[in-house]
C-alpha atoms as a PDB file:
ATOM      1  CA  MET A   1      13.786 -68.941   9.306  1.00  0.00           C
ATOM      2  CA  VAL A   2      15.806 -68.019  12.344  1.00  0.00           C
ATOM      3  CA  GLU A   3      15.537 -64.339  13.365  1.00  0.00           C
ATOM      4  CA  GLN A   4      18.934 -62.878  14.278  1.00  0.00           C
ATOM      5  CA  ASP A   5      18.917 -60.615  17.308  1.00  0.00           C
ATOM      6  CA  ILE A   6      19.718 -56.969  16.428  1.00  0.00           C
ATOM      7  CA  VAL A   7      22.102 -55.617  19.031  1.00  0.00           C
ATOM      8  CA  PHE A   8      22.428 -52.010  20.002  1.00  0.00           C
ATOM      9  CA  TRP A   9      25.632 -51.320  18.234  1.00  0.00           C
ATOM     10  CA  TYR A  10      24.050 -52.154  14.858  1.00  0.00           C
ATOM     11  CA  TRP A  11      21.907 -49.131  15.344  1.00  0.00           C
ATOM     12  CA  TRP A  12      24.914 -46.991  16.363  1.00  0.00           C
ATOM     13  CA  VAL A  13      26.771 -48.172  13.227  1.00  0.00           C
ATOM     14  CA  LEU A  14      23.671 -47.116  11.156  1.00  0.00           C
ATOM     15  CA  ALA A  15      23.744 -43.706  12.981  1.00  0.00           C
ATOM     16  CA  VAL A  16      27.372 -43.190  12.021  1.00  0.00           C
ATOM     17  CA  GLY A  17      26.512 -44.165   8.400  1.00  0.00           C
ATOM     18  CA  PHE A  18      23.728 -41.561   8.420  1.00  0.00           C
ATOM     19  CA  LEU A  19      26.192 -38.955   9.759  1.00  0.00           C
ATOM     20  CA  ALA A  20      28.606 -39.798   6.942  1.00  0.00           C
ATOM     21  CA  LEU A  21      25.752 -39.277   4.385  1.00  0.00           C
ATOM     22  CA  GLU A  22      24.902 -35.886   6.085  1.00  0.00           C
ATOM     23  CA  ILE A  23      28.484 -34.748   5.504  1.00  0.00           C
ATOM     24  CA  VAL A  24      28.155 -35.642   1.802  1.00  0.00           C
ATOM     25  CA  ALA A  25      24.615 -34.526   1.306  1.00  0.00           C
ATOM     26  CA  THR A  26      23.964 -31.527   3.575  1.00  0.00           C
ATOM     27  CA  GLY A  27      20.459 -30.399   4.531  1.00  0.00           C
ATOM     28  CA  PHE A  28      20.002 -31.823   8.010  1.00  0.00           C
ATOM     29  CA  PHE A  29      17.863 -34.754   6.766  1.00  0.00           C
ATOM     30  CA  PHE A  30      20.261 -37.510   7.464  1.00  0.00           C
ATOM     31  CA  LEU A  31      21.267 -35.912  10.813  1.00  0.00           C
ATOM     32  CA  TRP A  32      17.836 -36.597  12.251  1.00  0.00           C
ATOM     33  CA  LEU A  33      17.886 -40.173  10.911  1.00  0.00           C
ATOM     34  CA  ALA A  34      21.274 -40.562  12.671  1.00  0.00           C
ATOM     35  CA  VAL A  35      19.868 -39.164  15.981  1.00  0.00           C
ATOM     36  CA  SER A  36      16.915 -41.507  15.669  1.00  0.00           C
ATOM     37  CA  ALA A  37      19.112 -44.569  15.021  1.00  0.00           C
ATOM     38  CA  PHE A  38      21.340 -43.641  18.017  1.00  0.00           C
ATOM     39  CA  ILE A  39      18.302 -43.275  20.330  1.00  0.00           C
ATOM     40  CA  VAL A  40      17.005 -46.625  19.128  1.00  0.00           C
ATOM     41  CA  GLY A  41      20.410 -48.231  19.807  1.00  0.00           C
ATOM     42  CA  SER A  42      20.428 -46.738  23.338  1.00  0.00           C
ATOM     43  CA  VAL A  43      16.954 -48.157  23.998  1.00  0.00           C
ATOM     44  CA  VAL A  44      18.057 -51.571  22.823  1.00  0.00           C
ATOM     45  CA  LEU A  45      21.047 -51.293  25.115  1.00  0.00           C
ATOM     46  CA  LEU A  46      18.901 -50.385  28.040  1.00  0.00           C
ATOM     47  CA  ILE A  47      16.069 -52.876  27.274  1.00  0.00           C
ATOM     48  CA  GLU A  48      17.546 -55.942  25.600  1.00  0.00           C
ATOM     49  CA  ALA A  49      14.169 -57.630  25.126  1.00  0.00           C
ATOM     50  CA  THR A  50      13.070 -55.138  22.561  1.00  0.00           C
ATOM     51  CA  THR A  51      11.969 -56.989  19.491  1.00  0.00           C
ATOM     52  CA  PHE A  52      13.032 -56.125  15.981  1.00  0.00           C
ATOM     53  CA  ASN A  53       9.480 -54.939  15.022  1.00  0.00           C
ATOM     54  CA  ILE A  54       9.420 -52.568  17.980  1.00  0.00           C
ATOM     55  CA  GLN A  55      12.866 -51.300  17.114  1.00  0.00           C
ATOM     56  CA  VAL A  56      11.859 -50.525  13.528  1.00  0.00           C
ATOM     57  CA  LEU A  57       8.621 -48.937  14.661  1.00  0.00           C
ATOM     58  CA  LEU A  58      10.458 -46.753  17.169  1.00  0.00           C
ATOM     59  CA  PHE A  59      13.020 -45.764  14.576  1.00  0.00           C
ATOM     60  CA  SER A  60      10.322 -44.886  12.031  1.00  0.00           C
ATOM     61  CA  LEU A  61       8.310 -42.730  14.571  1.00  0.00           C
ATOM     62  CA  LEU A  62      11.459 -40.944  15.748  1.00  0.00           C
ATOM     63  CA  ALA A  63      12.755 -40.379  12.291  1.00  0.00           C
ATOM     64  CA  VAL A  64       9.553 -38.941  10.890  1.00  0.00           C
ATOM     65  CA  SER A  65       8.726 -36.829  13.983  1.00  0.00           C
ATOM     66  CA  SER A  66      12.224 -35.406  14.215  1.00  0.00           C
ATOM     67  CA  VAL A  67      12.428 -34.546  10.465  1.00  0.00           C
ATOM     68  CA  LEU A  68       8.909 -32.928  10.609  1.00  0.00           C
ATOM     69  CA  ALA A  69       9.866 -31.030  13.842  1.00  0.00           C
ATOM     70  CA  TRP A  70      13.068 -29.723  12.278  1.00  0.00           C
ATOM     71  CA  ARG A  71      11.206 -28.575   9.082  1.00  0.00           C
ATOM     72  CA  ARG A  72       8.723 -26.673  11.199  1.00  0.00           C
ATOM     73  CA  TYR A  73      11.352 -25.134  13.339  1.00  0.00           C
ATOM     74  CA  ALA A  74      13.491 -24.170  10.365  1.00  0.00           C
ATOM     75  CA  ARG A  75      10.496 -22.674   8.510  1.00  0.00           C
ATOM     76  CA  ASN A  76       9.493 -20.578  11.468  1.00  0.00           C
ATOM     77  CA  ARG A  77      13.073 -19.277  11.978  1.00  0.00           C
ATOM     78  CA  ALA A  78      13.737 -18.722   8.209  1.00  0.00           C
ATOM     79  CA  THR A  79      14.894 -15.187   7.513  1.00  0.00           C
ATOM     80  CA  ASP A  80      15.432 -13.531   4.223  1.00  0.00           C
ATOM     81  CA  VAL A  81      17.179 -10.530   5.842  1.00  0.00           C
ATOM     82  CA  SER A  82      20.935 -10.580   5.401  1.00  0.00           C
ATOM     83  CA  ASP A  83      23.460  -8.522   7.144  1.00  0.00           C
ATOM     84  CA  HIS A  84      25.149  -8.017   3.684  1.00  0.00           C
ATOM     85  CA  PRO A  85      22.091  -7.633   1.310  1.00  0.00           C
ATOM     86  CA  LEU A  86      24.284  -6.245  -1.487  1.00  0.00           C
ATOM     87  CA  LEU A  87      27.059  -8.716  -1.300  1.00  0.00           C
ATOM     88  CA  ASN A  88      26.609 -10.162  -4.719  1.00  0.00           C
ATOM     89  CA  ARG A  89      25.433  -6.995  -6.348  1.00  0.00           C
ATOM     90  CA  ARG A  90      28.507  -4.884  -6.299  1.00  0.00           C
ATOM     91  CA  GLY A  91      27.173  -1.994  -8.333  1.00  0.00           C
ATOM     92  CA  ALA A  92      24.171  -1.618  -6.124  1.00  0.00           C
ATOM     93  CA  GLN A  93      26.508  -0.765  -3.233  1.00  0.00           C
ATOM     94  CA  TYR A  94      27.361   2.494  -4.896  1.00  0.00           C
ATOM     95  CA  VAL A  95      23.828   3.940  -5.490  1.00  0.00           C
ATOM     96  CA  GLY A  96      23.566   7.168  -3.644  1.00  0.00           C
ATOM     97  CA  ARG A  97      27.305   7.851  -3.488  1.00  0.00           C
ATOM     98  CA  THR A  98      29.071  10.739  -5.248  1.00  0.00           C
ATOM     99  CA  PHE A  99      32.274  10.472  -7.314  1.00  0.00           C
ATOM    100  CA  ASN A 100      34.334  12.746  -9.533  1.00  0.00           C
ATOM    101  CA  LEU A 101      34.452  12.145 -13.294  1.00  0.00           C
ATOM    102  CA  ILE A 102      37.867  10.981 -14.509  1.00  0.00           C
ATOM    103  CA  ALA A 103      36.641  11.168 -18.131  1.00  0.00           C
ATOM    104  CA  PRO A 104      34.125  13.664 -19.414  1.00  0.00           C
ATOM    105  CA  ILE A 105      30.584  12.596 -20.098  1.00  0.00           C
ATOM    106  CA  GLU A 106      30.240  13.105 -23.823  1.00  0.00           C
ATOM    107  CA  ASN A 107      27.298  11.849 -25.831  1.00  0.00           C
ATOM    108  CA  GLY A 108      25.919  10.516 -22.518  1.00  0.00           C
ATOM    109  CA  HIS A 109      28.901   8.273 -21.551  1.00  0.00           C
ATOM    110  CA  GLY A 110      31.834   8.947 -19.253  1.00  0.00           C
ATOM    111  CA  LYS A 111      33.913   7.348 -16.551  1.00  0.00           C
ATOM    112  CA  VAL A 112      34.451   7.480 -12.767  1.00  0.00           C
ATOM    113  CA  LYS A 113      37.002   5.817 -10.532  1.00  0.00           C
ATOM    114  CA  VAL A 114      35.664   3.842  -7.634  1.00  0.00           C
ATOM    115  CA  ASP A 115      38.352   2.490  -5.354  1.00  0.00           C
ATOM    116  CA  ASP A 116      40.549   0.519  -7.806  1.00  0.00           C
ATOM    117  CA  THR A 117      37.987   0.157 -10.546  1.00  0.00           C
ATOM    118  CA  ILE A 118      36.902   2.394 -13.405  1.00  0.00           C
ATOM    119  CA  TRP A 119      33.131   2.358 -14.077  1.00  0.00           C
ATOM    120  CA  THR A 120      31.387   3.641 -17.169  1.00  0.00           C
ATOM    121  CA  VAL A 121      28.688   6.159 -16.376  1.00  0.00           C
ATOM    122  CA  ARG A 122      25.602   7.430 -18.277  1.00  0.00           C
ATOM    123  CA  GLY A 123      24.245  10.854 -17.692  1.00  0.00           C
ATOM    124  CA  PRO A 124      24.154  14.416 -18.897  1.00  0.00           C
ATOM    125  CA  ASP A 125      27.270  15.810 -20.653  1.00  0.00           C
ATOM    126  CA  SER A 126      29.757  17.099 -18.108  1.00  0.00           C
ATOM    127  CA  PRO A 127      33.544  18.068 -17.967  1.00  0.00           C
ATOM    128  CA  VAL A 128      36.195  16.058 -16.058  1.00  0.00           C
ATOM    129  CA  GLY A 129      36.190  16.602 -12.327  1.00  0.00           C
ATOM    130  CA  THR A 130      32.408  17.122 -12.050  1.00  0.00           C
ATOM    131  CA  LYS A 131      30.823  15.542  -8.995  1.00  0.00           C
ATOM    132  CA  VAL A 132      28.165  13.022  -9.979  1.00  0.00           C
ATOM    133  CA  LYS A 133      25.719  11.004  -7.898  1.00  0.00           C
ATOM    134  CA  VAL A 134      24.993   7.348  -8.766  1.00  0.00           C
ATOM    135  CA  THR A 135      21.230   6.980  -9.181  1.00  0.00           C
ATOM    136  CA  ALA A 136      21.012   3.460 -10.547  1.00  0.00           C
ATOM    137  CA  VAL A 137      23.063   0.608 -11.954  1.00  0.00           C
ATOM    138  CA  LYS A 138      22.253  -1.002 -15.320  1.00  0.00           C
ATOM    139  CA  GLY A 139      24.511  -3.993 -15.900  1.00  0.00           C
ATOM    140  CA  THR A 140      28.056  -2.708 -15.529  1.00  0.00           C
ATOM    141  CA  GLU A 141      27.138   0.954 -16.073  1.00  0.00           C
ATOM    142  CA  PHE A 142      26.183   3.674 -13.507  1.00  0.00           C
ATOM    143  CA  GLU A 143      23.325   6.006 -14.257  1.00  0.00           C
ATOM    144  CA  VAL A 144      24.372   9.366 -12.690  1.00  0.00           C
ATOM    145  CA  GLU A 145      23.145  12.917 -12.199  1.00  0.00           C
ATOM    146  CA  VAL A 146      25.246  16.072 -11.618  1.00  0.00           C
ATOM    147  CA  CYS A 147      25.553  17.093  -8.053  1.00  0.00           C
ATOM    148  CA  GLU A 148      25.015  20.786  -7.407  1.00  0.00           C
END
């Protein structure tokens, strides 16, 4: 069997293929494989006598070490703190705020207008116009208490 020489641009084509996969399947895994393939291609360009076995070994070592290094770096920099912690919990944004009733609270249920939305409230019976403070949100309903 005749071994065909692997030239540098084969590795660069592989790197571009990994970059294309990274675009489709995000997560930074294929990015590091692409970087490893590009480095191996560059080594083969500079040192033409590099055998195929050495190229595969170098690629394997670079790929594994770069993926592991990225995972360690990402884990150490992971943050659960968001600058908008209530972004997907719209009702929770209103806890602690006060509003005027637009419908009286009768039998424990009434309504307030918040911006362009009318919310149902639950609390002690109160007439229209009473200031109420939101204490909690249960589903799509505010729990309120009368402000004094």
